[in-house]
Structure formats: C-alpha cells, structure tokens
Protein backbone atom coordinates (compact mmCIF):
# COMPACT_ATOMS: atom_id res chain seq x y z
CA UNK A 1 0.00 0.00 0.00
CA UNK A 2 2.84 2.39 0.77
CA UNK A 3 4.51 1.53 -2.55
CA UNK A 4 1.28 2.41 -4.36
CA UNK A 5 1.19 5.76 -2.56
CA UNK A 6 4.78 6.43 -3.62
CA UNK A 7 3.91 5.56 -7.23
CA UNK A 8 1.00 8.01 -7.08
CA UNK A 9 3.25 10.76 -5.71
CA UNK A 10 5.81 10.12 -8.45
CA UNK A 11 3.07 10.18 -11.09
CA UNK A 12 1.76 13.47 -9.71
CA UNK A 13 5.27 14.90 -9.85
CA UNK A 14 5.73 13.88 -13.47
CA UNK A 15 2.29 14.51 -14.96
CA UNK A 16 0.68 17.06 -12.66
CA UNK A 17 -2.00 17.24 -10.03
CA UNK A 18 -5.03 18.60 -11.87
CA UNK A 19 -7.68 16.64 -9.93
CA UNK A 20 -5.88 17.26 -6.63
CA UNK A 21 -8.70 15.85 -4.50
CA UNK A 22 -8.45 12.55 -6.41
CA UNK A 23 -4.71 12.45 -5.78
CA UNK A 24 -5.18 13.14 -2.07
CA UNK A 25 -7.92 10.53 -1.82
CA UNK A 26 -5.74 7.88 -3.42
CA UNK A 27 -2.71 8.61 -1.28
CA UNK A 28 -4.70 8.87 1.96
CA UNK A 29 -6.49 5.62 1.13
CA UNK A 30 -3.18 3.81 0.64
CA UNK A 31 -1.53 5.23 3.74
CA UNK A 32 -4.64 4.79 5.90
CA UNK A 33 -5.05 1.16 4.85
CA UNK A 34 -1.38 0.48 5.60
CA UNK A 35 -1.69 2.04 9.06
CA UNK A 36 -4.82 0.02 9.82
CA UNK A 37 -3.12 -3.19 8.65
CA UNK A 38 -0.15 -2.51 10.93
CA UNK A 39 -2.51 -1.91 13.85
CA UNK A 40 -4.28 -5.20 13.12
CA UNK A 41 -0.99 -7.09 13.02
CA UNK A 42 0.09 -5.55 16.33
CA UNK A 43 -3.19 -6.53 18.00
CA UNK A 44 -3.22 -10.10 16.63
CA UNK A 45 0.46 -10.83 17.41
CA UNK A 46 0.60 -13.37 20.24
CA UNK A 47 3.97 -12.08 21.50
CA UNK A 48 2.51 -8.64 22.22
CA UNK A 49 1.64 -8.48 25.92
CA UNK A 50 -0.31 -5.24 25.64
CA UNK A 51 -3.29 -6.75 23.77
CA UNK A 52 -3.39 -10.15 25.47
CA UNK A 53 -7.05 -9.84 26.54
CA UNK A 54 -8.24 -8.75 23.09
CA UNK A 55 -9.59 -11.65 21.01
CA UNK A 56 -8.48 -11.79 17.35
CA UNK A 57 -12.11 -11.58 16.19
CA UNK A 58 -12.51 -8.24 17.96
CA UNK A 59 -9.29 -6.93 16.41
CA UNK A 60 -10.45 -7.98 12.95
CA UNK A 61 -13.89 -6.41 13.51
CA UNK A 62 -12.20 -3.15 14.54
CA UNK A 63 -10.05 -3.32 11.40
CA UNK A 64 -13.07 -3.85 9.13
CA UNK A 65 -15.10 -1.08 10.78
CA UNK A 66 -12.23 1.43 10.67
CA UNK A 67 -11.48 0.52 7.06
CA UNK A 68 -15.14 1.07 6.17
CA UNK A 69 -15.17 4.48 7.87
CA UNK A 70 -11.88 5.45 6.20
CA UNK A 71 -13.15 4.61 2.73
CA UNK A 72 -16.53 6.29 3.31
CA UNK A 73 -14.69 9.49 4.25
CA UNK A 74 -12.47 9.18 1.19
CA UNK A 75 -15.47 8.60 -1.10
CA UNK A 76 -17.14 11.65 0.43
CA UNK A 77 -13.97 13.68 -0.17
CA UNK A 78 -14.03 12.72 -3.86
CA UNK A 79 -17.41 14.38 -4.18
C-alpha cells in the first residue's frame, strides 16, 4: 500500500495534479489502509503483551469497521 502511494506521488510529480482531490484521496487511502493493517498485526500478534485480553475476532472487527469508515470518508472527499 505504501509503494502504491509512492507511485501516485511520483506520477503526480511527473504529470501534474489537476484533480488534486483525487490524488489526495488515493494517497490517503493507501496510507490509511497500511496504518490500519499494521494496527491489526500488532493486536493479533501473540507475542505482544499489551493486547493479550483482546480476542483476534474483535481486532479484525475493529479493522473492518475502521477501514469502512476510512473509505466512506475518502469517497465523500471525492465528491
């Protein structure tokens, strides 16, 4: 996801950023999804003592809900 965001930034640098809100939506979607995936991996990791009481199903449900909210906000930003 981060590599896709970097490709989008490079493309914007080469071609231009005429629909700037589309560019921002794409980059924020990539970065936001990567951050949520990292958070899910941290919560599901059995070696992590901080989230020992959190069941993996709850962590996955949080990931899905946050991903849904993220993409609804991004779709709203597109107009």
